[in-house]
Amino acid sequence: MIQKLNITKTVENYIREHPSIMDNLKKGLINYSSLARKIGKELNIKKFDATLIACRRYASKLKSQKIREKEILDILKKSKFEIKNRVIAVVLEPNIYFDDLIELQKNIKKQSGFLHFIQGSSSITIITSLEFLSHIKDYFKNKIIKINQNLVEITLISSEKLEDTPGVMSYLYSLFAENDINIVETMSCYTDTLFLIDENDITKALKALHI
């Protein structure tokens, strides 16, 4: 049996793992007693009153999030979108020469191309156009871990309010997930938010982002 001190956390985790319940809680369509009994039965929680209180408290949190969603939607409605097709994401080993990366960037810029890179603890990802794949292979032919092709880059250009409004990224991730769209890579810079998705998902993505 779950200890009383962990009931609140357990209930919140349960609700987060069930998006349909969470969505209906936000809308005020859930009977708290029925939900508490359901959670108690499934998770073997004997303290009904504590479970009920945890459900009500979490519902209050979700309702405050619903109010925040209006701010998020206002930002997204006023945002602009830029789309690039024929995009690749090349994952490299981390022990590359950064002078080579700088030279690669210069060469791509000379040809009016674009290049982003993301440095992680165990790899470096280069994002650019398919036409520059041969250039990357020339510089890093023995350092390539993986090449993702047939991608589309969606850049969301928002107002400065983006930086001061909690939950925007969470809302966008949920939006993509609800529409069965996998995000291959993502990054942000000031008011720009970049998503890489499979080109087959572009229609679904545009419909989802038509807020």
N, C-alpha and C. Protein backbone atom coordinates (compact mmCIF):
# COMPACT_ATOMS: atom_id res chain seq x y z
N MET A 1 0.85 -1.20 0.00
CA MET A 1 0.00 0.00 0.00
C MET A 1 0.88 1.25 0.00
N ILE A 2 0.48 2.26 -0.75
CA ILE A 2 1.26 3.49 -0.86
C ILE A 2 1.12 4.30 0.42
N GLN A 3 2.24 4.81 0.92
CA GLN A 3 2.23 5.62 2.12
C GLN A 3 1.53 6.97 1.87
N LYS A 4 0.96 7.52 2.94
CA LYS A 4 0.18 8.76 2.83
C LYS A 4 0.98 9.90 2.23
N LEU A 5 2.27 10.01 2.62
CA LEU A 5 3.09 11.12 2.15
C LEU A 5 3.31 11.08 0.65
N ASN A 6 3.18 9.87 0.05
CA ASN A 6 3.42 9.75 -1.38
C ASN A 6 2.14 9.78 -2.20
N ILE A 7 0.99 9.87 -1.55
CA ILE A 7 -0.28 9.80 -2.28
C ILE A 7 -0.42 10.96 -3.27
N THR A 8 -0.11 12.18 -2.82
CA THR A 8 -0.25 13.34 -3.70
C THR A 8 0.59 13.19 -4.96
N LYS A 9 1.85 12.81 -4.78
CA LYS A 9 2.74 12.63 -5.93
C LYS A 9 2.27 11.51 -6.83
N THR A 10 1.80 10.41 -6.22
CA THR A 10 1.33 9.26 -6.99
C THR A 10 0.11 9.62 -7.82
N VAL A 11 -0.83 10.35 -7.22
CA VAL A 11 -2.03 10.78 -7.93
C VAL A 11 -1.67 11.69 -9.10
N GLU A 12 -0.78 12.64 -8.86
CA GLU A 12 -0.38 13.57 -9.93
C GLU A 12 0.29 12.82 -11.07
N ASN A 13 1.16 11.88 -10.75
CA ASN A 13 1.82 11.08 -11.79
C ASN A 13 0.81 10.29 -12.60
N TYR A 14 -0.16 9.71 -11.90
CA TYR A 14 -1.20 8.92 -12.58
C TYR A 14 -1.96 9.78 -13.58
N ILE A 15 -2.37 10.96 -13.14
CA ILE A 15 -3.15 11.85 -14.01
C ILE A 15 -2.31 12.31 -15.20
N ARG A 16 -1.04 12.64 -14.96
CA ARG A 16 -0.16 13.07 -16.05
C ARG A 16 0.02 11.98 -17.09
N GLU A 17 -0.01 10.73 -16.63
CA GLU A 17 0.18 9.60 -17.55
C GLU A 17 -1.09 9.24 -18.31
N HIS A 18 -2.19 9.92 -17.99
CA HIS A 18 -3.47 9.69 -18.67
C HIS A 18 -3.98 11.02 -19.22
N PRO A 19 -3.50 11.41 -20.41
CA PRO A 19 -3.85 12.72 -20.98
C PRO A 19 -5.34 13.00 -21.08
N SER A 20 -6.13 11.96 -21.37
CA SER A 20 -7.58 12.19 -21.50
C SER A 20 -8.19 12.61 -20.16
N ILE A 21 -7.72 12.01 -19.07
CA ILE A 21 -8.20 12.40 -17.75
C ILE A 21 -7.75 13.82 -17.43
N MET A 22 -6.50 14.11 -17.74
CA MET A 22 -5.97 15.45 -17.46
C MET A 22 -6.74 16.51 -18.24
N ASP A 23 -7.04 16.23 -19.49
CA ASP A 23 -7.76 17.19 -20.31
C ASP A 23 -9.17 17.43 -19.77
N ASN A 24 -9.84 16.35 -19.35
CA ASN A 24 -11.19 16.50 -18.81
C ASN A 24 -11.21 17.15 -17.44
N LEU A 25 -10.13 16.99 -16.68
CA LEU A 25 -10.02 17.71 -15.41
C LEU A 25 -9.93 19.21 -15.65
N LYS A 26 -9.16 19.59 -16.66
CA LYS A 26 -9.04 21.01 -17.01
C LYS A 26 -10.41 21.59 -17.37
N LYS A 27 -11.22 20.77 -18.04
CA LYS A 27 -12.52 21.24 -18.50
C LYS A 27 -13.61 21.13 -17.42
N GLY A 28 -13.25 20.53 -16.28
CA GLY A 28 -14.22 20.38 -15.21
C GLY A 28 -15.24 19.30 -15.47
N LEU A 29 -14.88 18.27 -16.24
CA LEU A 29 -15.82 17.22 -16.63
C LEU A 29 -15.64 15.92 -15.84
N ILE A 30 -14.75 15.93 -14.85
CA ILE A 30 -14.46 14.72 -14.09
C ILE A 30 -15.09 14.79 -12.70
N ASN A 31 -15.72 13.70 -12.29
CA ASN A 31 -16.22 13.57 -10.92
C ASN A 31 -15.06 13.14 -10.04
N TYR A 32 -14.68 13.98 -9.07
CA TYR A 32 -13.49 13.71 -8.27
C TYR A 32 -13.60 12.42 -7.47
N SER A 33 -14.77 12.14 -6.94
CA SER A 33 -14.94 10.92 -6.15
C SER A 33 -14.75 9.68 -7.01
N SER A 34 -15.33 9.70 -8.21
CA SER A 34 -15.17 8.56 -9.11
C SER A 34 -13.72 8.37 -9.51
N LEU A 35 -13.04 9.51 -9.76
CA LEU A 35 -11.63 9.43 -10.13
C LEU A 35 -10.80 8.88 -8.98
N ALA A 36 -11.08 9.36 -7.76
CA ALA A 36 -10.33 8.90 -6.58
C ALA A 36 -10.52 7.39 -6.38
N ARG A 37 -11.74 6.91 -6.58
CA ARG A 37 -11.98 5.48 -6.43
C ARG A 37 -11.24 4.67 -7.50
N LYS A 38 -11.24 5.20 -8.71
CA LYS A 38 -10.56 4.53 -9.82
C LYS A 38 -9.06 4.43 -9.55
N ILE A 39 -8.45 5.55 -9.12
CA ILE A 39 -7.02 5.56 -8.84
C ILE A 39 -6.70 4.65 -7.66
N GLY A 40 -7.54 4.71 -6.63
CA GLY A 40 -7.33 3.86 -5.45
C GLY A 40 -7.36 2.39 -5.80
N LYS A 41 -8.31 2.02 -6.65
CA LYS A 41 -8.43 0.61 -7.04
C LYS A 41 -7.24 0.15 -7.88
N GLU A 42 -6.86 0.97 -8.85
CA GLU A 42 -5.78 0.58 -9.76
C GLU A 42 -4.41 0.59 -9.09
N LEU A 43 -4.22 1.50 -8.14
CA LEU A 43 -2.90 1.64 -7.51
C LEU A 43 -2.87 1.13 -6.07
N ASN A 44 -3.97 0.52 -5.65
CA ASN A 44 -4.04 -0.07 -4.31
C ASN A 44 -3.80 0.97 -3.20
N ILE A 45 -4.45 2.13 -3.35
CA ILE A 45 -4.38 3.17 -2.32
C ILE A 45 -5.64 3.06 -1.46
N LYS A 46 -5.46 2.81 -0.17
CA LYS A 46 -6.59 2.59 0.72
C LYS A 46 -7.16 3.89 1.31
N LYS A 47 -6.39 4.95 1.25
CA LYS A 47 -6.80 6.23 1.86
C LYS A 47 -7.64 7.03 0.85
N PHE A 48 -8.93 6.78 0.86
CA PHE A 48 -9.82 7.44 -0.11
C PHE A 48 -9.81 8.96 0.05
N ASP A 49 -9.95 9.45 1.28
CA ASP A 49 -10.02 10.89 1.50
C ASP A 49 -8.76 11.60 1.02
N ALA A 50 -7.61 11.00 1.31
CA ALA A 50 -6.33 11.61 0.87
C ALA A 50 -6.23 11.62 -0.65
N THR A 51 -6.71 10.54 -1.27
CA THR A 51 -6.69 10.46 -2.74
C THR A 51 -7.63 11.49 -3.33
N LEU A 52 -8.80 11.66 -2.74
CA LEU A 52 -9.77 12.64 -3.21
C LEU A 52 -9.22 14.05 -3.11
N ILE A 53 -8.59 14.37 -1.98
CA ILE A 53 -7.99 15.70 -1.79
C ILE A 53 -6.90 15.94 -2.84
N ALA A 54 -6.08 14.91 -3.10
CA ALA A 54 -5.00 15.03 -4.08
C ALA A 54 -5.57 15.30 -5.47
N CYS A 55 -6.68 14.64 -5.82
CA CYS A 55 -7.33 14.86 -7.12
C CYS A 55 -7.82 16.30 -7.24
N ARG A 56 -8.45 16.79 -6.18
CA ARG A 56 -8.97 18.16 -6.20
C ARG A 56 -7.87 19.20 -6.30
N ARG A 57 -6.78 18.97 -5.56
CA ARG A 57 -5.66 19.92 -5.60
C ARG A 57 -5.03 19.96 -6.99
N TYR A 58 -4.88 18.77 -7.57
CA TYR A 58 -4.24 18.74 -8.89
C TYR A 58 -5.17 19.36 -9.93
N ALA A 59 -6.47 19.17 -9.77
CA ALA A 59 -7.43 19.80 -10.69
C ALA A 59 -7.32 21.32 -10.61
N SER A 60 -7.09 21.85 -9.41
CA SER A 60 -6.92 23.30 -9.25
C SER A 60 -5.68 23.78 -9.99
N LYS A 61 -4.60 22.99 -9.91
CA LYS A 61 -3.38 23.33 -10.63
C LYS A 61 -3.65 23.37 -12.14
N LEU A 62 -4.37 22.36 -12.62
CA LEU A 62 -4.65 22.27 -14.05
C LEU A 62 -5.52 23.43 -14.52
N LYS A 63 -6.45 23.86 -13.70
CA LYS A 63 -7.30 24.99 -14.08
C LYS A 63 -6.50 26.28 -14.20
N SER A 64 -5.50 26.44 -13.33
CA SER A 64 -4.63 27.61 -13.43
C SER A 64 -3.78 27.52 -14.70
N GLN A 65 -3.41 26.29 -15.07
CA GLN A 65 -2.68 26.10 -16.33
C GLN A 65 -3.56 26.45 -17.52
N LYS A 66 -4.85 26.12 -17.40
CA LYS A 66 -5.79 26.44 -18.48
C LYS A 66 -5.84 27.94 -18.72
N ILE A 67 -5.81 28.71 -17.64
CA ILE A 67 -5.79 30.17 -17.77
C ILE A 67 -4.50 30.61 -18.47
N ARG A 68 -3.39 29.95 -18.12
CA ARG A 68 -2.10 30.28 -18.74
C ARG A 68 -2.11 29.92 -20.23
N GLU A 69 -2.87 28.90 -20.61
CA GLU A 69 -2.93 28.49 -22.01
C GLU A 69 -3.44 29.62 -22.89
N LYS A 70 -4.30 30.48 -22.35
CA LYS A 70 -4.80 31.61 -23.13
C LYS A 70 -3.65 32.54 -23.51
N GLU A 71 -2.72 32.74 -22.57
CA GLU A 71 -1.54 33.57 -22.86
C GLU A 71 -0.68 32.90 -23.92
N ILE A 72 -0.52 31.57 -23.80
CA ILE A 72 0.30 30.82 -24.76
C ILE A 72 -0.32 30.90 -26.15
N LEU A 73 -1.63 30.68 -26.23
CA LEU A 73 -2.32 30.72 -27.52
C LEU A 73 -2.23 32.10 -28.15
N ASP A 74 -2.27 33.13 -27.33
CA ASP A 74 -2.15 34.50 -27.85
C ASP A 74 -0.78 34.70 -28.50
N ILE A 75 0.27 34.17 -27.86
CA ILE A 75 1.62 34.26 -28.42
C ILE A 75 1.70 33.50 -29.74
N LEU A 76 1.16 32.28 -29.76
CA LEU A 76 1.26 31.43 -30.95
C LEU A 76 0.44 31.99 -32.12
N LYS A 77 -0.72 32.58 -31.82
CA LYS A 77 -1.54 33.15 -32.88
C LYS A 77 -0.84 34.32 -33.57
N LYS A 78 0.01 35.01 -32.82
CA LYS A 78 0.72 36.17 -33.37
C LYS A 78 2.10 35.81 -33.92
N SER A 79 2.46 34.53 -33.82
CA SER A 79 3.77 34.08 -34.29
C SER A 79 3.74 33.83 -35.80
N LYS A 80 4.93 33.86 -36.38
CA LYS A 80 5.09 33.54 -37.80
C LYS A 80 5.82 32.20 -37.93
N PHE A 81 5.60 31.54 -39.06
CA PHE A 81 6.25 30.27 -39.31
C PHE A 81 7.08 30.33 -40.58
N GLU A 82 8.26 29.75 -40.51
CA GLU A 82 9.09 29.57 -41.69
C GLU A 82 9.36 28.08 -41.86
N ILE A 83 9.28 27.60 -43.10
CA ILE A 83 9.44 26.17 -43.36
C ILE A 83 10.54 25.95 -44.39
N LYS A 84 11.43 25.02 -44.09
CA LYS A 84 12.47 24.60 -45.04
C LYS A 84 12.33 23.10 -45.26
N ASN A 85 12.38 22.69 -46.52
CA ASN A 85 12.35 21.26 -46.81
C ASN A 85 13.73 20.77 -47.22
N ARG A 86 13.86 19.48 -47.50
CA ARG A 86 15.14 18.86 -47.87
C ARG A 86 16.22 19.16 -46.83
N VAL A 87 15.86 18.99 -45.57
CA VAL A 87 16.76 19.26 -44.46
C VAL A 87 17.33 17.94 -43.93
N ILE A 88 18.57 17.98 -43.45
CA ILE A 88 19.21 16.81 -42.86
C ILE A 88 19.73 17.15 -41.46
N ALA A 89 19.84 16.12 -40.65
CA ALA A 89 20.46 16.26 -39.32
C ALA A 89 21.53 15.18 -39.23
N VAL A 90 22.78 15.59 -39.15
CA VAL A 90 23.90 14.66 -39.12
C VAL A 90 24.49 14.64 -37.71
N VAL A 91 24.50 13.46 -37.11
CA VAL A 91 25.02 13.30 -35.75
C VAL A 91 26.48 12.87 -35.83
N LEU A 92 27.35 13.65 -35.17
CA LEU A 92 28.80 13.40 -35.19
C LEU A 92 29.31 12.99 -33.82
N GLU A 93 30.43 12.32 -33.83
CA GLU A 93 31.13 12.06 -32.57
C GLU A 93 31.57 13.40 -31.96
N PRO A 94 31.70 13.48 -30.65
CA PRO A 94 31.99 14.77 -30.01
C PRO A 94 33.43 15.26 -30.20
N ASN A 95 34.34 14.35 -30.54
CA ASN A 95 35.76 14.71 -30.60
C ASN A 95 36.17 15.16 -32.00
N ILE A 96 35.44 16.15 -32.52
CA ILE A 96 35.79 16.70 -33.83
C ILE A 96 36.62 17.97 -33.64
N TYR A 97 37.25 18.41 -34.72
CA TYR A 97 37.98 19.67 -34.69
C TYR A 97 36.99 20.80 -34.99
N PHE A 98 36.85 21.73 -34.06
CA PHE A 98 35.89 22.79 -34.26
C PHE A 98 36.32 23.76 -35.35
N ASP A 99 37.61 23.79 -35.65
CA ASP A 99 38.07 24.59 -36.79
C ASP A 99 37.43 24.09 -38.08
N ASP A 100 37.28 22.75 -38.18
CA ASP A 100 36.63 22.18 -39.36
C ASP A 100 35.16 22.57 -39.41
N LEU A 101 34.52 22.61 -38.25
CA LEU A 101 33.11 23.01 -38.20
C LEU A 101 32.94 24.46 -38.61
N ILE A 102 33.85 25.31 -38.18
CA ILE A 102 33.81 26.73 -38.56
C ILE A 102 34.02 26.89 -40.07
N GLU A 103 34.98 26.13 -40.61
CA GLU A 103 35.24 26.19 -42.05
C GLU A 103 34.03 25.71 -42.84
N LEU A 104 33.40 24.64 -42.36
CA LEU A 104 32.20 24.12 -43.01
C LEU A 104 31.11 25.18 -43.02
N GLN A 105 30.93 25.85 -41.89
CA GLN A 105 29.92 26.89 -41.79
C GLN A 105 30.21 28.03 -42.77
N LYS A 106 31.45 28.42 -42.87
CA LYS A 106 31.84 29.49 -43.81
C LYS A 106 31.51 29.11 -45.25
N ASN A 107 31.83 27.86 -45.60
CA ASN A 107 31.58 27.41 -46.97
C ASN A 107 30.09 27.38 -47.29
N ILE A 108 29.30 26.95 -46.33
CA ILE A 108 27.85 26.88 -46.54
C ILE A 108 27.26 28.29 -46.62
N LYS A 109 27.74 29.18 -45.78
CA LYS A 109 27.25 30.57 -45.81
C LYS A 109 27.58 31.24 -47.14
N LYS A 110 28.75 30.93 -47.69
CA LYS A 110 29.14 31.50 -48.98
C LYS A 110 28.15 31.12 -50.08
N GLN A 111 27.54 29.95 -49.90
CA GLN A 111 26.58 29.46 -50.89
C GLN A 111 25.14 29.78 -50.48
N SER A 112 25.02 30.75 -49.57
CA SER A 112 23.71 31.22 -49.09
C SER A 112 22.90 30.11 -48.42
N GLY A 113 23.61 29.16 -47.82
CA GLY A 113 22.94 28.09 -47.11
C GLY A 113 22.83 28.41 -45.62
N PHE A 114 22.26 27.49 -44.88
CA PHE A 114 22.13 27.67 -43.43
C PHE A 114 22.73 26.48 -42.72
N LEU A 115 23.16 26.69 -41.50
CA LEU A 115 23.71 25.61 -40.68
C LEU A 115 23.47 25.92 -39.21
N HIS A 116 22.91 24.95 -38.50
CA HIS A 116 22.79 25.02 -37.04
C HIS A 116 23.54 23.82 -36.48
N PHE A 117 24.07 23.98 -35.30
CA PHE A 117 24.62 22.78 -34.67
C PHE A 117 24.29 22.78 -33.18
N ILE A 118 24.08 21.58 -32.67
CA ILE A 118 23.73 21.37 -31.27
C ILE A 118 24.81 20.51 -30.64
N GLN A 119 25.44 21.00 -29.60
CA GLN A 119 26.49 20.24 -28.93
C GLN A 119 25.94 19.57 -27.68
N GLY A 120 26.03 18.25 -27.63
CA GLY A 120 25.64 17.50 -26.45
C GLY A 120 26.86 16.91 -25.78
N SER A 121 26.64 16.13 -24.74
CA SER A 121 27.76 15.55 -24.00
C SER A 121 28.40 14.39 -24.76
N SER A 122 27.63 13.71 -25.62
CA SER A 122 28.16 12.54 -26.30
C SER A 122 28.10 12.64 -27.82
N SER A 123 27.64 13.78 -28.34
CA SER A 123 27.55 13.94 -29.79
C SER A 123 27.35 15.40 -30.16
N ILE A 124 27.51 15.68 -31.44
CA ILE A 124 27.24 17.00 -32.01
C ILE A 124 26.34 16.79 -33.22
N THR A 125 25.26 17.55 -33.30
CA THR A 125 24.33 17.42 -34.42
C THR A 125 24.41 18.65 -35.31
N ILE A 126 24.61 18.41 -36.60
CA ILE A 126 24.63 19.48 -37.60
C ILE A 126 23.30 19.43 -38.36
N ILE A 127 22.66 20.58 -38.48
CA ILE A 127 21.40 20.69 -39.23
C ILE A 127 21.64 21.62 -40.41
N THR A 128 21.36 21.14 -41.61
CA THR A 128 21.58 21.95 -42.80
C THR A 128 20.78 21.37 -43.96
N SER A 129 21.00 21.88 -45.17
CA SER A 129 20.30 21.38 -46.35
C SER A 129 20.96 20.11 -46.89
N LEU A 130 20.16 19.29 -47.55
CA LEU A 130 20.66 18.04 -48.13
C LEU A 130 21.81 18.29 -49.10
N GLU A 131 21.78 19.40 -49.79
CA GLU A 131 22.80 19.68 -50.80
C GLU A 131 24.21 19.78 -50.22
N PHE A 132 24.30 19.97 -48.89
CA PHE A 132 25.61 20.11 -48.27
C PHE A 132 26.08 18.84 -47.57
N LEU A 133 25.37 17.74 -47.78
CA LEU A 133 25.76 16.48 -47.15
C LEU A 133 27.16 16.05 -47.57
N SER A 134 27.49 16.22 -48.84
CA SER A 134 28.82 15.83 -49.31
C SER A 134 29.91 16.64 -48.64
N HIS A 135 29.62 17.93 -48.35
CA HIS A 135 30.59 18.77 -47.66
C HIS A 135 30.86 18.21 -46.25
N ILE A 136 29.79 17.83 -45.56
CA ILE A 136 29.94 17.29 -44.21
C ILE A 136 30.76 16.01 -44.23
N LYS A 137 30.50 15.17 -45.22
CA LYS A 137 31.26 13.92 -45.34
C LYS A 137 32.73 14.18 -45.62
N ASP A 138 33.01 15.24 -46.39
CA ASP A 138 34.41 15.59 -46.67
C ASP A 138 35.15 15.99 -45.40
N TYR A 139 34.47 16.74 -44.53
CA TYR A 139 35.10 17.22 -43.30
C TYR A 139 35.12 16.17 -42.20
N PHE A 140 34.06 15.38 -42.10
CA PHE A 140 33.90 14.50 -40.93
C PHE A 140 33.58 13.05 -41.31
N LYS A 141 34.15 12.57 -42.39
CA LYS A 141 33.76 11.26 -42.94
C LYS A 141 33.90 10.11 -41.94
N ASN A 142 34.86 10.18 -41.03
CA ASN A 142 35.05 9.09 -40.06
C ASN A 142 34.42 9.37 -38.70
N LYS A 143 33.70 10.49 -38.61
CA LYS A 143 33.12 10.89 -37.32
C LYS A 143 31.59 10.86 -37.33
N ILE A 144 30.99 10.41 -38.43
CA ILE A 144 29.54 10.43 -38.56
C ILE A 144 28.93 9.21 -37.85
N ILE A 145 28.01 9.48 -36.93
CA ILE A 145 27.30 8.42 -36.22
C ILE A 145 26.00 8.07 -36.94
N LYS A 146 25.27 9.10 -37.38
CA LYS A 146 23.96 8.87 -37.99
C LYS A 146 23.59 10.04 -38.89
N ILE A 147 22.88 9.74 -39.97
CA ILE A 147 22.38 10.78 -40.86
C ILE A 147 20.87 10.65 -40.97
N ASN A 148 20.15 11.69 -40.58
CA ASN A 148 18.69 11.73 -40.73
C ASN A 148 18.35 12.60 -41.93
N GLN A 149 17.69 12.01 -42.92
CA GLN A 149 17.32 12.74 -44.12
C GLN A 149 15.80 12.87 -44.22
N ASN A 150 15.36 13.51 -45.29
CA ASN A 150 13.92 13.68 -45.56
C ASN A 150 13.21 14.39 -44.40
N LEU A 151 13.85 15.45 -43.93
CA LEU A 151 13.29 16.21 -42.82
C LEU A 151 12.79 17.58 -43.28
N VAL A 152 11.94 18.16 -42.45
CA VAL A 152 11.45 19.53 -42.67
C VAL A 152 11.76 20.33 -41.41
N GLU A 153 12.22 21.55 -41.61
CA GLU A 153 12.51 22.44 -40.48
C GLU A 153 11.39 23.47 -40.37
N ILE A 154 10.74 23.49 -39.22
CA ILE A 154 9.71 24.50 -38.95
C ILE A 154 10.26 25.45 -37.89
N THR A 155 10.33 26.72 -38.23
CA THR A 155 10.81 27.73 -37.29
C THR A 155 9.65 28.62 -36.87
N LEU A 156 9.41 28.66 -35.59
CA LEU A 156 8.37 29.50 -35.01
C LEU A 156 9.02 30.80 -34.54
N ILE A 157 8.58 31.91 -35.11
CA ILE A 157 9.13 33.23 -34.77
C ILE A 157 8.10 33.99 -33.95
N SER A 158 8.39 34.19 -32.68
CA SER A 158 7.41 34.75 -31.76
C SER A 158 7.86 36.11 -31.24
N SER A 159 7.01 36.71 -30.43
CA SER A 159 7.34 37.98 -29.79
C SER A 159 8.23 37.73 -28.58
N GLU A 160 8.73 38.80 -27.98
CA GLU A 160 9.59 38.68 -26.81
C GLU A 160 8.85 38.09 -25.60
N LYS A 161 7.52 38.09 -25.65
CA LYS A 161 6.73 37.52 -24.55
C LYS A 161 7.02 36.03 -24.37
N LEU A 162 7.53 35.41 -25.42
CA LEU A 162 7.85 33.98 -25.36
C LEU A 162 8.77 33.66 -24.20
N GLU A 163 9.76 34.53 -23.96
CA GLU A 163 10.75 34.28 -22.91
C GLU A 163 10.17 34.36 -21.51
N ASP A 164 9.09 35.11 -21.35
CA ASP A 164 8.54 35.34 -20.01
C ASP A 164 7.26 34.55 -19.74
N THR A 165 6.86 33.70 -20.68
CA THR A 165 5.61 32.94 -20.53
C THR A 165 5.91 31.46 -20.33
N PRO A 166 5.69 30.94 -19.13
CA PRO A 166 5.96 29.52 -18.87
C PRO A 166 5.00 28.62 -19.63
N GLY A 167 5.51 27.48 -20.08
CA GLY A 167 4.64 26.45 -20.64
C GLY A 167 4.50 26.44 -22.15
N VAL A 168 5.14 27.39 -22.86
CA VAL A 168 4.98 27.44 -24.32
C VAL A 168 5.55 26.18 -24.96
N MET A 169 6.77 25.83 -24.59
CA MET A 169 7.40 24.65 -25.18
C MET A 169 6.63 23.38 -24.82
N SER A 170 6.19 23.30 -23.57
CA SER A 170 5.41 22.14 -23.14
C SER A 170 4.13 22.01 -23.96
N TYR A 171 3.48 23.15 -24.22
CA TYR A 171 2.25 23.15 -25.01
C TYR A 171 2.53 22.66 -26.43
N LEU A 172 3.62 23.14 -27.03
CA LEU A 172 3.96 22.73 -28.40
C LEU A 172 4.32 21.25 -28.48
N TYR A 173 5.09 20.76 -27.50
CA TYR A 173 5.43 19.33 -27.48
C TYR A 173 4.17 18.48 -27.39
N SER A 174 3.24 18.90 -26.54
CA SER A 174 1.98 18.16 -26.38
C SER A 174 1.18 18.20 -27.67
N LEU A 175 1.20 19.35 -28.33
CA LEU A 175 0.46 19.52 -29.58
C LEU A 175 0.97 18.55 -30.64
N PHE A 176 2.29 18.44 -30.75
CA PHE A 176 2.88 17.51 -31.71
C PHE A 176 2.56 16.06 -31.33
N ALA A 177 2.68 15.75 -30.05
CA ALA A 177 2.44 14.37 -29.59
C ALA A 177 0.99 13.95 -29.83
N GLU A 178 0.06 14.86 -29.55
CA GLU A 178 -1.36 14.55 -29.74
C GLU A 178 -1.69 14.27 -31.20
N ASN A 179 -0.90 14.82 -32.11
CA ASN A 179 -1.12 14.61 -33.53
C ASN A 179 -0.17 13.57 -34.13
N ASP A 180 0.45 12.78 -33.22
CA ASP A 180 1.31 11.67 -33.64
C ASP A 180 2.46 12.13 -34.53
N ILE A 181 3.07 13.26 -34.13
CA ILE A 181 4.20 13.82 -34.88
C ILE A 181 5.45 13.69 -34.02
N ASN A 182 6.46 13.00 -34.54
CA ASN A 182 7.71 12.84 -33.82
C ASN A 182 8.64 14.03 -34.10
N ILE A 183 9.20 14.60 -33.05
CA ILE A 183 10.17 15.69 -33.20
C ILE A 183 11.56 15.07 -33.23
N VAL A 184 12.23 15.19 -34.35
CA VAL A 184 13.56 14.59 -34.52
C VAL A 184 14.60 15.40 -33.76
N GLU A 185 14.54 16.72 -33.90
CA GLU A 185 15.44 17.63 -33.18
C GLU A 185 14.68 18.90 -32.86
N THR A 186 15.10 19.59 -31.84
CA THR A 186 14.53 20.90 -31.53
C THR A 186 15.59 21.78 -30.90
N MET A 187 15.51 23.07 -31.13
CA MET A 187 16.41 24.02 -30.50
C MET A 187 15.74 25.38 -30.50
N SER A 188 16.26 26.29 -29.70
CA SER A 188 15.68 27.63 -29.65
C SER A 188 16.79 28.67 -29.54
N CYS A 189 16.49 29.87 -30.02
CA CYS A 189 17.41 30.99 -29.94
C CYS A 189 16.58 32.26 -29.81
N TYR A 190 16.57 32.82 -28.60
CA TYR A 190 15.81 34.04 -28.30
C TYR A 190 14.33 33.80 -28.61
N THR A 191 13.78 34.44 -29.65
CA THR A 191 12.36 34.29 -29.94
C THR A 191 12.08 33.27 -31.05
N ASP A 192 13.13 32.60 -31.53
CA ASP A 192 12.97 31.58 -32.56
C ASP A 192 12.98 30.19 -31.93
N THR A 193 12.01 29.36 -32.31
CA THR A 193 11.96 27.98 -31.85
C THR A 193 11.92 27.08 -33.07
N LEU A 194 12.86 26.15 -33.14
CA LEU A 194 13.05 25.33 -34.33
C LEU A 194 12.68 23.88 -34.06
N PHE A 195 11.90 23.29 -34.95
CA PHE A 195 11.55 21.87 -34.86
C PHE A 195 11.94 21.17 -36.15
N LEU A 196 12.53 20.00 -36.02
CA LEU A 196 12.79 19.14 -37.18
C LEU A 196 11.85 17.96 -37.11
N ILE A 197 11.09 17.74 -38.18
CA ILE A 197 10.18 16.61 -38.23
C ILE A 197 10.33 15.90 -39.57
N ASP A 198 9.80 14.69 -39.66
CA ASP A 198 9.81 13.95 -40.92
C ASP A 198 8.92 14.68 -41.93
N GLU A 199 9.37 14.71 -43.18
CA GLU A 199 8.61 15.44 -44.20
C GLU A 199 7.20 14.87 -44.40
N ASN A 200 7.00 13.60 -44.07
CA ASN A 200 5.67 13.00 -44.19
C ASN A 200 4.68 13.55 -43.17
N ASP A 201 5.20 14.22 -42.14
CA ASP A 201 4.34 14.76 -41.08
C ASP A 201 4.02 16.24 -41.25
N ILE A 202 4.47 16.84 -42.34
CA ILE A 202 4.35 18.28 -42.48
C ILE A 202 2.88 18.72 -42.55
N THR A 203 2.03 17.95 -43.23
CA THR A 203 0.61 18.31 -43.32
C THR A 203 -0.04 18.30 -41.95
N LYS A 204 0.23 17.26 -41.18
CA LYS A 204 -0.32 17.17 -39.82
C LYS A 204 0.20 18.32 -38.95
N ALA A 205 1.48 18.66 -39.12
CA ALA A 205 2.08 19.72 -38.31
C ALA A 205 1.44 21.07 -38.60
N LEU A 206 1.22 21.35 -39.88
CA LEU A 206 0.63 22.64 -40.26
C LEU A 206 -0.81 22.75 -39.75
N LYS A 207 -1.54 21.64 -39.79
CA LYS A 207 -2.90 21.65 -39.26
C LYS A 207 -2.88 21.88 -37.74
N ALA A 208 -1.94 21.23 -37.07
CA ALA A 208 -1.85 21.36 -35.61
C ALA A 208 -1.47 22.78 -35.21
N LEU A 209 -0.61 23.41 -36.00
CA LEU A 209 -0.13 24.75 -35.67
C LEU A 209 -1.06 25.85 -36.18
N HIS A 210 -2.11 25.46 -36.89
CA HIS A 210 -3.08 26.45 -37.35
C HIS A 210 -4.03 26.77 -36.20
N ILE A 211 -3.50 27.53 -35.25
CA ILE A 211 -4.21 27.78 -33.98
C ILE A 211 -5.16 28.97 -34.12
